[in-house]
């Protein structure tokens, strides 16, 4: 498979959030280096967002997006992301909806989701690309726009910048 840029969201709201974000990215990069499957990795700035749809007092989330130039398949990348989440203390909810995504929100030490892979549209039992809630999440769109605001979101017929413009303002996304 040829090298291409895949965008991954990375988030945390438990423990030392910044350290967990950095540890997760470092572990992913290490795995890809060992596979000789990475050319570059670029990080967006980190943003903080109050927990939404969760009980009052839930710790705020830190989020960023990583642009990863790799040649691994999306299925292999998903496997690596799940292993990195587990290594960083993530405990997964056993109930998942279609595409492996949960409809409920929960605290997490580390969450890593594949957002986009060029023009790829993919839907399996375990993975949907682009991420099915991408255009509804300002905390993902803002850091994604920092990396490539002019990129077209497959299946949405709009750019990241256009999606961000119409995305709800709440919860507010603040540069950390």
N, C-alpha and C. Protein backbone atom coordinates (compact mmCIF):
# COMPACT_ATOMS: atom_id res chain seq x y z
N UNK A 1 0.84 -1.18 0.00
CA UNK A 1 0.00 0.00 0.00
C UNK A 1 0.89 1.24 0.00
N UNK A 2 0.47 2.28 -0.71
CA UNK A 2 1.30 3.48 -0.79
C UNK A 2 1.07 4.39 0.42
N UNK A 3 2.04 5.28 0.63
CA UNK A 3 1.94 6.23 1.73
C UNK A 3 0.89 7.28 1.41
N UNK A 4 0.11 7.64 2.43
CA UNK A 4 -0.88 8.70 2.31
C UNK A 4 -1.10 9.27 3.70
N UNK A 5 -1.78 10.41 3.78
CA UNK A 5 -1.99 11.07 5.07
C UNK A 5 -3.32 10.66 5.65
N UNK A 6 -3.26 10.15 6.88
CA UNK A 6 -4.44 9.77 7.63
C UNK A 6 -4.52 10.70 8.83
N UNK A 7 -5.73 11.17 9.14
CA UNK A 7 -5.94 12.08 10.27
C UNK A 7 -6.58 11.31 11.42
N UNK A 8 -6.00 11.49 12.61
CA UNK A 8 -6.44 10.78 13.80
C UNK A 8 -6.73 11.79 14.90
N UNK A 9 -7.89 11.65 15.54
CA UNK A 9 -8.16 12.49 16.72
C UNK A 9 -7.62 11.78 17.95
N UNK A 10 -7.12 12.59 18.88
CA UNK A 10 -6.55 12.07 20.12
C UNK A 10 -7.13 12.90 21.25
N UNK A 11 -7.71 12.23 22.25
CA UNK A 11 -8.33 12.95 23.35
C UNK A 11 -8.15 12.26 24.69
N UNK A 12 -8.30 13.04 25.76
CA UNK A 12 -8.18 12.52 27.12
C UNK A 12 -8.91 13.45 28.08
N UNK A 13 -9.55 12.85 29.12
CA UNK A 13 -10.10 13.68 30.19
C UNK A 13 -9.82 13.11 31.58
N UNK A 14 -8.93 12.13 31.66
CA UNK A 14 -8.57 11.54 32.95
C UNK A 14 -7.07 11.56 33.16
N UNK A 15 -6.66 11.70 34.40
CA UNK A 15 -5.23 11.65 34.72
C UNK A 15 -4.49 12.86 34.22
N UNK A 16 -3.19 12.69 33.96
CA UNK A 16 -2.36 13.76 33.40
C UNK A 16 -2.64 13.80 31.90
N UNK A 17 -3.64 14.56 31.54
CA UNK A 17 -4.16 14.55 30.17
C UNK A 17 -3.10 14.85 29.12
N UNK A 18 -2.29 15.88 29.32
CA UNK A 18 -1.26 16.23 28.34
C UNK A 18 -0.25 15.09 28.21
N UNK A 19 0.19 14.53 29.34
CA UNK A 19 1.15 13.43 29.31
C UNK A 19 0.56 12.22 28.60
N UNK A 20 -0.72 11.94 28.81
CA UNK A 20 -1.35 10.80 28.15
C UNK A 20 -1.47 11.01 26.64
N UNK A 21 -1.80 12.23 26.22
CA UNK A 21 -1.85 12.53 24.79
C UNK A 21 -0.48 12.28 24.16
N UNK A 22 0.56 12.82 24.80
CA UNK A 22 1.92 12.69 24.28
C UNK A 22 2.38 11.23 24.29
N UNK A 23 2.07 10.50 25.38
CA UNK A 23 2.46 9.10 25.47
C UNK A 23 1.79 8.26 24.38
N UNK A 24 0.51 8.51 24.16
CA UNK A 24 -0.21 7.77 23.13
C UNK A 24 0.36 8.01 21.74
N UNK A 25 0.65 9.25 21.43
CA UNK A 25 1.22 9.59 20.12
C UNK A 25 2.61 8.96 19.98
N UNK A 26 3.41 9.03 21.05
CA UNK A 26 4.77 8.45 21.01
C UNK A 26 4.71 6.93 20.82
N UNK A 27 3.80 6.27 21.51
CA UNK A 27 3.66 4.81 21.35
C UNK A 27 3.23 4.44 19.93
N UNK A 28 2.28 5.20 19.38
CA UNK A 28 1.85 4.94 18.01
C UNK A 28 3.00 5.13 17.04
N UNK A 29 3.73 6.23 17.19
CA UNK A 29 4.86 6.50 16.31
C UNK A 29 5.92 5.40 16.42
N UNK A 30 6.20 4.94 17.63
CA UNK A 30 7.18 3.87 17.84
C UNK A 30 6.77 2.60 17.11
N UNK A 31 5.50 2.23 17.22
CA UNK A 31 4.99 1.03 16.54
C UNK A 31 5.13 1.16 15.02
N UNK A 32 4.79 2.33 14.50
CA UNK A 32 4.87 2.54 13.05
C UNK A 32 6.32 2.57 12.56
N UNK A 33 7.22 3.13 13.36
CA UNK A 33 8.65 3.12 13.01
C UNK A 33 9.15 1.69 12.94
N UNK A 34 8.78 0.87 13.93
CA UNK A 34 9.19 -0.53 13.92
C UNK A 34 8.68 -1.28 12.69
N UNK A 35 7.51 -0.89 12.20
CA UNK A 35 6.94 -1.50 11.00
C UNK A 35 7.49 -0.86 9.72
N UNK A 36 8.33 0.17 9.87
CA UNK A 36 8.81 0.97 8.73
C UNK A 36 7.62 1.47 7.89
N UNK A 37 6.63 1.99 8.63
CA UNK A 37 5.37 2.38 8.00
C UNK A 37 5.00 3.82 8.28
N UNK A 38 6.00 4.68 8.46
CA UNK A 38 5.70 6.09 8.73
C UNK A 38 6.75 6.97 8.06
N UNK A 39 6.26 8.06 7.44
CA UNK A 39 7.16 9.07 6.88
C UNK A 39 7.15 10.34 7.72
N UNK A 40 5.98 10.70 8.23
CA UNK A 40 5.89 11.93 9.04
C UNK A 40 4.70 11.86 9.97
N UNK A 41 4.76 12.70 11.00
CA UNK A 41 3.67 12.82 11.97
C UNK A 41 3.64 14.29 12.38
N UNK A 42 2.49 14.93 12.18
CA UNK A 42 2.31 16.33 12.52
C UNK A 42 1.16 16.46 13.49
N UNK A 43 1.34 17.26 14.54
CA UNK A 43 0.30 17.45 15.55
C UNK A 43 -0.29 18.85 15.45
N UNK A 44 -1.59 18.94 15.66
CA UNK A 44 -2.26 20.23 15.79
C UNK A 44 -2.00 20.76 17.19
N UNK A 45 -2.38 22.01 17.45
CA UNK A 45 -2.37 22.49 18.83
C UNK A 45 -3.38 21.67 19.66
N UNK A 46 -3.24 21.74 20.98
CA UNK A 46 -4.15 21.07 21.89
C UNK A 46 -5.28 22.03 22.27
N UNK A 47 -6.50 21.50 22.30
CA UNK A 47 -7.68 22.27 22.69
C UNK A 47 -8.34 21.64 23.90
N UNK A 48 -8.99 22.48 24.70
CA UNK A 48 -9.74 21.99 25.86
C UNK A 48 -11.23 22.25 25.63
N UNK A 49 -12.03 21.24 25.96
CA UNK A 49 -13.47 21.32 25.77
C UNK A 49 -14.16 20.76 27.00
N UNK A 50 -15.14 21.48 27.52
CA UNK A 50 -15.91 20.95 28.64
C UNK A 50 -16.63 19.69 28.19
N UNK A 51 -16.73 18.73 29.10
CA UNK A 51 -17.44 17.48 28.79
C UNK A 51 -18.89 17.81 28.48
N UNK A 52 -19.40 17.23 27.41
CA UNK A 52 -20.75 17.50 26.95
C UNK A 52 -21.52 16.18 26.95
N UNK A 53 -22.77 16.22 27.37
CA UNK A 53 -23.57 15.01 27.40
C UNK A 53 -23.16 14.07 28.53
N UNK A 54 -22.43 14.60 29.51
CA UNK A 54 -21.94 13.81 30.64
C UNK A 54 -22.34 14.52 31.94
N UNK A 55 -22.29 13.82 33.08
CA UNK A 55 -22.71 14.43 34.36
C UNK A 55 -21.89 15.68 34.71
N UNK A 56 -22.52 16.59 35.43
CA UNK A 56 -21.81 17.78 35.93
C UNK A 56 -20.60 17.33 36.73
N UNK A 57 -19.50 18.08 36.62
CA UNK A 57 -18.29 17.75 37.34
C UNK A 57 -17.36 16.82 36.58
N UNK A 58 -17.79 16.35 35.41
CA UNK A 58 -16.92 15.51 34.60
C UNK A 58 -15.73 16.34 34.13
N UNK A 59 -14.51 15.82 34.27
CA UNK A 59 -13.33 16.59 33.84
C UNK A 59 -13.40 16.97 32.35
N UNK A 60 -12.87 18.14 32.03
CA UNK A 60 -12.82 18.62 30.65
C UNK A 60 -11.89 17.72 29.82
N UNK A 61 -12.14 17.70 28.52
CA UNK A 61 -11.33 16.93 27.59
C UNK A 61 -10.25 17.80 26.97
N UNK A 62 -9.10 17.21 26.74
CA UNK A 62 -8.08 17.80 25.88
C UNK A 62 -8.11 17.00 24.59
N UNK A 63 -8.04 17.72 23.45
CA UNK A 63 -8.08 17.07 22.13
C UNK A 63 -7.08 17.70 21.19
N UNK A 64 -6.56 16.89 20.30
CA UNK A 64 -5.76 17.35 19.18
C UNK A 64 -5.96 16.39 18.03
N UNK A 65 -5.44 16.76 16.87
CA UNK A 65 -5.49 15.88 15.70
C UNK A 65 -4.07 15.68 15.21
N UNK A 66 -3.79 14.46 14.79
CA UNK A 66 -2.49 14.08 14.25
C UNK A 66 -2.66 13.76 12.78
N UNK A 67 -1.78 14.32 11.94
CA UNK A 67 -1.70 13.95 10.52
C UNK A 67 -0.54 12.98 10.41
N UNK A 68 -0.84 11.79 9.95
CA UNK A 68 0.12 10.70 9.93
C UNK A 68 0.32 10.23 8.49
N UNK A 69 1.56 10.35 8.00
CA UNK A 69 1.85 9.85 6.66
C UNK A 69 2.35 8.42 6.81
N UNK A 70 1.50 7.47 6.38
CA UNK A 70 1.77 6.06 6.62
C UNK A 70 1.31 5.22 5.43
N UNK A 71 1.74 3.95 5.45
CA UNK A 71 1.28 3.03 4.41
C UNK A 71 0.55 1.83 4.99
N UNK A 72 0.19 1.87 6.28
CA UNK A 72 -0.56 0.77 6.87
C UNK A 72 -2.01 0.83 6.44
N UNK A 73 -2.67 -0.32 6.43
CA UNK A 73 -4.10 -0.35 6.12
C UNK A 73 -4.86 0.28 7.27
N UNK A 74 -6.07 0.72 7.00
CA UNK A 74 -6.90 1.30 8.05
C UNK A 74 -7.21 0.28 9.13
N UNK A 75 -7.42 -0.96 8.75
CA UNK A 75 -7.71 -2.01 9.73
C UNK A 75 -6.51 -2.23 10.65
N UNK A 76 -5.31 -2.26 10.09
CA UNK A 76 -4.09 -2.42 10.90
C UNK A 76 -3.89 -1.21 11.81
N UNK A 77 -4.13 -0.02 11.28
CA UNK A 77 -4.01 1.20 12.08
C UNK A 77 -5.00 1.18 13.24
N UNK A 78 -6.24 0.76 12.98
CA UNK A 78 -7.23 0.67 14.05
C UNK A 78 -6.74 -0.27 15.15
N UNK A 79 -6.18 -1.39 14.77
CA UNK A 79 -5.64 -2.35 15.73
C UNK A 79 -4.53 -1.71 16.57
N UNK A 80 -3.65 -0.96 15.93
CA UNK A 80 -2.58 -0.26 16.65
C UNK A 80 -3.14 0.78 17.61
N UNK A 81 -4.14 1.54 17.18
CA UNK A 81 -4.74 2.57 18.02
C UNK A 81 -5.39 1.95 19.26
N UNK A 82 -6.10 0.85 19.08
CA UNK A 82 -6.74 0.18 20.21
C UNK A 82 -5.70 -0.33 21.20
N UNK A 83 -4.58 -0.86 20.69
CA UNK A 83 -3.50 -1.35 21.57
C UNK A 83 -2.86 -0.19 22.33
N UNK A 84 -2.67 0.94 21.68
CA UNK A 84 -2.09 2.12 22.34
C UNK A 84 -3.04 2.63 23.42
N UNK A 85 -4.33 2.71 23.11
CA UNK A 85 -5.31 3.14 24.12
C UNK A 85 -5.24 2.25 25.36
N UNK A 86 -5.20 0.95 25.15
CA UNK A 86 -5.12 0.00 26.26
C UNK A 86 -3.84 0.18 27.05
N UNK A 87 -2.72 0.37 26.35
CA UNK A 87 -1.43 0.58 27.02
C UNK A 87 -1.45 1.85 27.87
N UNK A 88 -2.31 2.80 27.51
CA UNK A 88 -2.42 4.06 28.26
C UNK A 88 -3.57 4.03 29.27
N UNK A 89 -4.07 2.84 29.58
CA UNK A 89 -5.06 2.70 30.63
C UNK A 89 -6.51 2.80 30.22
N UNK A 90 -6.80 2.81 28.94
CA UNK A 90 -8.18 2.92 28.47
C UNK A 90 -8.95 1.64 28.77
N UNK A 91 -10.13 1.81 29.34
CA UNK A 91 -11.04 0.70 29.54
C UNK A 91 -12.23 0.95 28.65
N UNK A 92 -12.47 0.02 27.71
CA UNK A 92 -13.53 0.20 26.73
C UNK A 92 -14.87 -0.31 27.21
N UNK A 93 -15.91 0.40 26.81
CA UNK A 93 -17.28 -0.03 27.03
C UNK A 93 -17.55 -1.20 26.09
N UNK A 94 -18.10 -2.27 26.62
CA UNK A 94 -18.35 -3.47 25.80
C UNK A 94 -19.48 -3.27 24.81
N UNK A 95 -20.35 -2.29 25.03
CA UNK A 95 -21.48 -2.08 24.12
C UNK A 95 -21.10 -1.05 23.06
N UNK A 96 -21.07 -1.48 21.84
CA UNK A 96 -20.71 -0.61 20.73
C UNK A 96 -21.83 -0.60 19.70
N UNK A 97 -21.98 0.51 19.04
CA UNK A 97 -22.94 0.60 17.95
C UNK A 97 -22.22 0.27 16.64
N UNK A 98 -22.89 0.50 15.55
CA UNK A 98 -22.33 0.19 14.23
C UNK A 98 -20.99 0.88 14.00
N UNK A 99 -20.08 0.16 13.39
CA UNK A 99 -18.77 0.71 13.07
C UNK A 99 -17.84 0.76 14.26
N UNK A 100 -18.23 0.16 15.39
CA UNK A 100 -17.36 0.12 16.55
C UNK A 100 -17.42 1.36 17.41
N UNK A 101 -18.34 2.28 17.12
CA UNK A 101 -18.43 3.53 17.87
C UNK A 101 -19.58 3.45 18.86
N UNK A 102 -19.35 3.93 20.05
CA UNK A 102 -20.37 3.94 21.10
C UNK A 102 -21.22 5.19 20.95
N UNK A 103 -22.50 5.06 21.26
CA UNK A 103 -23.39 6.21 21.22
C UNK A 103 -23.39 6.97 22.55
N UNK A 104 -22.74 6.39 23.57
CA UNK A 104 -22.69 7.06 24.86
C UNK A 104 -21.29 7.64 25.08
N UNK A 105 -21.23 8.62 25.97
CA UNK A 105 -19.96 9.26 26.28
C UNK A 105 -19.45 8.73 27.61
N UNK A 106 -18.14 8.60 27.73
CA UNK A 106 -17.57 8.13 28.99
C UNK A 106 -16.19 8.75 29.18
N UNK A 107 -15.77 8.79 30.45
CA UNK A 107 -14.42 9.26 30.76
C UNK A 107 -13.42 8.32 30.10
N UNK A 108 -12.26 8.87 29.74
CA UNK A 108 -11.23 8.03 29.13
C UNK A 108 -9.85 8.62 29.32
N UNK A 109 -8.90 7.72 29.59
CA UNK A 109 -7.51 8.17 29.70
C UNK A 109 -6.99 8.56 28.33
N UNK A 110 -7.40 7.80 27.31
CA UNK A 110 -6.96 8.09 25.95
C UNK A 110 -7.98 7.57 24.95
N UNK A 111 -8.28 8.38 23.97
CA UNK A 111 -9.20 8.01 22.90
C UNK A 111 -8.54 8.39 21.59
N UNK A 112 -8.39 7.44 20.69
CA UNK A 112 -7.78 7.70 19.38
C UNK A 112 -8.73 7.17 18.30
N UNK A 113 -9.18 8.07 17.42
CA UNK A 113 -10.11 7.69 16.35
C UNK A 113 -9.57 8.09 14.99
N UNK A 114 -9.73 7.21 14.03
CA UNK A 114 -9.39 7.53 12.64
C UNK A 114 -10.49 8.45 12.12
N UNK A 115 -10.09 9.62 11.63
CA UNK A 115 -11.04 10.59 11.11
C UNK A 115 -11.19 10.49 9.60
N UNK A 116 -10.06 10.59 8.90
CA UNK A 116 -10.05 10.67 7.44
C UNK A 116 -8.84 9.97 6.85
N UNK A 117 -9.01 9.43 5.66
CA UNK A 117 -7.93 8.86 4.87
C UNK A 117 -8.16 9.29 3.43
N UNK A 118 -7.74 10.52 3.11
CA UNK A 118 -7.92 11.04 1.76
C UNK A 118 -9.38 11.03 1.35
N UNK A 119 -9.66 10.41 0.20
CA UNK A 119 -11.03 10.36 -0.32
C UNK A 119 -11.73 9.05 0.03
N UNK A 120 -11.13 8.26 0.90
CA UNK A 120 -11.66 6.95 1.25
C UNK A 120 -13.00 7.06 1.97
N UNK A 121 -13.94 6.24 1.51
CA UNK A 121 -15.21 6.02 2.19
C UNK A 121 -15.21 4.54 2.55
N UNK A 122 -15.29 4.22 3.84
CA UNK A 122 -15.21 2.84 4.30
C UNK A 122 -16.23 2.62 5.39
N UNK A 123 -16.93 1.47 5.30
CA UNK A 123 -17.88 1.12 6.35
C UNK A 123 -17.81 -0.38 6.56
N UNK A 124 -17.29 -0.76 7.74
CA UNK A 124 -17.23 -2.17 8.13
C UNK A 124 -17.91 -2.30 9.49
N UNK A 125 -17.93 -3.50 10.04
CA UNK A 125 -18.50 -3.70 11.38
C UNK A 125 -17.68 -3.00 12.45
N UNK A 126 -16.41 -2.72 12.18
CA UNK A 126 -15.51 -2.18 13.19
C UNK A 126 -15.03 -0.76 12.91
N UNK A 127 -15.25 -0.27 11.71
CA UNK A 127 -14.65 1.01 11.34
C UNK A 127 -15.48 1.72 10.27
N UNK A 128 -15.68 3.03 10.49
CA UNK A 128 -16.33 3.88 9.49
C UNK A 128 -15.40 5.06 9.24
N UNK A 129 -15.06 5.30 7.98
CA UNK A 129 -14.21 6.43 7.58
C UNK A 129 -14.88 7.11 6.40
N UNK A 130 -15.04 8.46 6.50
CA UNK A 130 -14.71 9.36 7.58
C UNK A 130 -15.49 9.00 8.85
N UNK A 131 -14.93 9.45 9.98
CA UNK A 131 -15.58 9.21 11.27
C UNK A 131 -17.02 9.71 11.18
N UNK A 132 -18.00 8.90 11.62
CA UNK A 132 -19.41 9.25 11.42
C UNK A 132 -19.87 10.53 12.11
N UNK A 133 -19.18 10.99 13.15
CA UNK A 133 -19.62 12.20 13.85
C UNK A 133 -18.67 13.37 13.64
N UNK A 134 -17.79 13.24 12.68
CA UNK A 134 -16.76 14.26 12.42
C UNK A 134 -17.34 15.66 12.28
N UNK A 135 -18.36 15.84 11.46
CA UNK A 135 -18.86 17.19 11.18
C UNK A 135 -19.70 17.76 12.32
N UNK A 136 -20.01 16.95 13.34
CA UNK A 136 -20.80 17.41 14.48
C UNK A 136 -19.92 17.78 15.67
N UNK A 137 -18.62 17.63 15.54
CA UNK A 137 -17.73 17.79 16.68
C UNK A 137 -16.70 18.90 16.46
N UNK A 138 -16.98 20.04 17.02
CA UNK A 138 -16.07 21.19 16.91
C UNK A 138 -14.71 20.86 17.51
N UNK A 139 -14.68 20.05 18.57
CA UNK A 139 -13.41 19.71 19.22
C UNK A 139 -12.51 18.85 18.32
N UNK A 140 -13.07 18.31 17.26
CA UNK A 140 -12.29 17.58 16.26
C UNK A 140 -12.05 18.47 15.03
N UNK A 141 -13.08 19.17 14.61
CA UNK A 141 -12.96 20.02 13.41
C UNK A 141 -11.94 21.14 13.58
N UNK A 142 -11.90 21.78 14.78
CA UNK A 142 -10.97 22.90 14.97
C UNK A 142 -9.51 22.46 14.82
N UNK A 143 -9.05 21.41 15.53
CA UNK A 143 -7.66 21.00 15.33
C UNK A 143 -7.40 20.43 13.93
N UNK A 144 -8.41 19.81 13.33
CA UNK A 144 -8.27 19.32 11.96
C UNK A 144 -8.10 20.50 11.00
N UNK A 145 -8.85 21.58 11.23
CA UNK A 145 -8.72 22.78 10.40
C UNK A 145 -7.34 23.41 10.54
N UNK A 146 -6.74 23.30 11.72
CA UNK A 146 -5.39 23.83 11.92
C UNK A 146 -4.38 23.10 11.03
N UNK A 147 -4.66 21.85 10.72
CA UNK A 147 -3.74 21.06 9.88
C UNK A 147 -4.06 21.20 8.40
N UNK A 148 -5.36 21.23 8.04
CA UNK A 148 -5.74 21.34 6.62
C UNK A 148 -7.20 21.77 6.50
N UNK A 149 -7.46 23.05 6.55
CA UNK A 149 -8.83 23.57 6.53
C UNK A 149 -9.49 23.44 5.16
N UNK A 150 -8.71 23.29 4.09
CA UNK A 150 -9.26 23.23 2.73
C UNK A 150 -9.56 21.82 2.26
N UNK A 151 -9.23 20.81 3.09
CA UNK A 151 -9.46 19.43 2.73
C UNK A 151 -10.96 19.15 2.64
N UNK A 152 -11.37 18.45 1.60
CA UNK A 152 -12.76 18.06 1.43
C UNK A 152 -13.04 16.80 2.24
N UNK A 153 -14.16 16.80 2.93
CA UNK A 153 -14.57 15.64 3.71
C UNK A 153 -15.38 14.73 2.81
N UNK A 154 -14.88 13.53 2.52
CA UNK A 154 -15.60 12.61 1.63
C UNK A 154 -17.01 12.32 2.13
N UNK A 155 -17.95 12.32 1.21
CA UNK A 155 -19.33 12.02 1.54
C UNK A 155 -20.10 13.19 2.12
N UNK A 156 -19.42 14.28 2.43
CA UNK A 156 -20.07 15.45 3.05
C UNK A 156 -20.19 16.62 2.08
N UNK A 157 -19.45 16.58 1.00
CA UNK A 157 -19.51 17.63 -0.02
C UNK A 157 -19.19 19.01 0.56
N UNK A 158 -18.22 19.05 1.49
CA UNK A 158 -17.79 20.32 2.05
C UNK A 158 -16.35 20.18 2.53
N UNK A 159 -15.70 21.32 2.75
CA UNK A 159 -14.35 21.30 3.30
C UNK A 159 -14.42 21.29 4.82
N UNK A 160 -13.29 21.05 5.45
CA UNK A 160 -13.21 21.10 6.90
C UNK A 160 -13.61 22.49 7.38
N UNK A 161 -13.11 23.52 6.70
CA UNK A 161 -13.42 24.91 7.05
C UNK A 161 -14.93 25.18 6.98
N UNK A 162 -15.58 24.70 5.94
CA UNK A 162 -17.03 24.90 5.80
C UNK A 162 -17.80 24.15 6.88
N UNK A 163 -17.37 22.93 7.19
CA UNK A 163 -18.03 22.15 8.25
C UNK A 163 -17.87 22.85 9.59
N UNK A 164 -16.71 23.40 9.85
CA UNK A 164 -16.45 24.10 11.10
C UNK A 164 -17.34 25.34 11.22
N UNK A 165 -17.53 26.02 10.11
CA UNK A 165 -18.35 27.25 10.11
C UNK A 165 -19.79 26.99 10.54
N UNK A 166 -20.34 25.82 10.21
CA UNK A 166 -21.75 25.52 10.54
C UNK A 166 -21.90 24.59 11.75
N UNK A 167 -20.79 24.17 12.31
CA UNK A 167 -20.82 23.29 13.49
C UNK A 167 -21.26 24.09 14.71
N UNK A 168 -22.08 23.50 15.58
CA UNK A 168 -22.50 24.22 16.80
C UNK A 168 -21.31 24.74 17.60
N UNK A 169 -21.47 25.92 18.17
CA UNK A 169 -20.42 26.57 18.96
C UNK A 169 -20.21 25.85 20.30
N UNK A 170 -21.28 25.28 20.84
CA UNK A 170 -21.21 24.61 22.14
C UNK A 170 -21.01 23.12 21.94
N UNK A 171 -20.22 22.46 22.74
CA UNK A 171 -19.41 23.05 23.79
C UNK A 171 -18.24 23.84 23.20
N UNK A 172 -17.86 24.89 23.89
CA UNK A 172 -16.78 25.78 23.44
C UNK A 172 -15.44 25.05 23.43
N UNK A 173 -14.67 25.32 22.39
CA UNK A 173 -13.36 24.70 22.19
C UNK A 173 -12.30 25.80 22.36
N UNK A 174 -11.46 25.64 23.39
CA UNK A 174 -10.48 26.68 23.72
C UNK A 174 -9.06 26.17 23.53
N UNK A 175 -8.22 26.99 22.92
CA UNK A 175 -6.81 26.64 22.76
C UNK A 175 -6.19 26.48 24.14
N UNK A 176 -5.50 25.39 24.35
CA UNK A 176 -4.89 25.10 25.67
C UNK A 176 -3.62 25.89 25.84
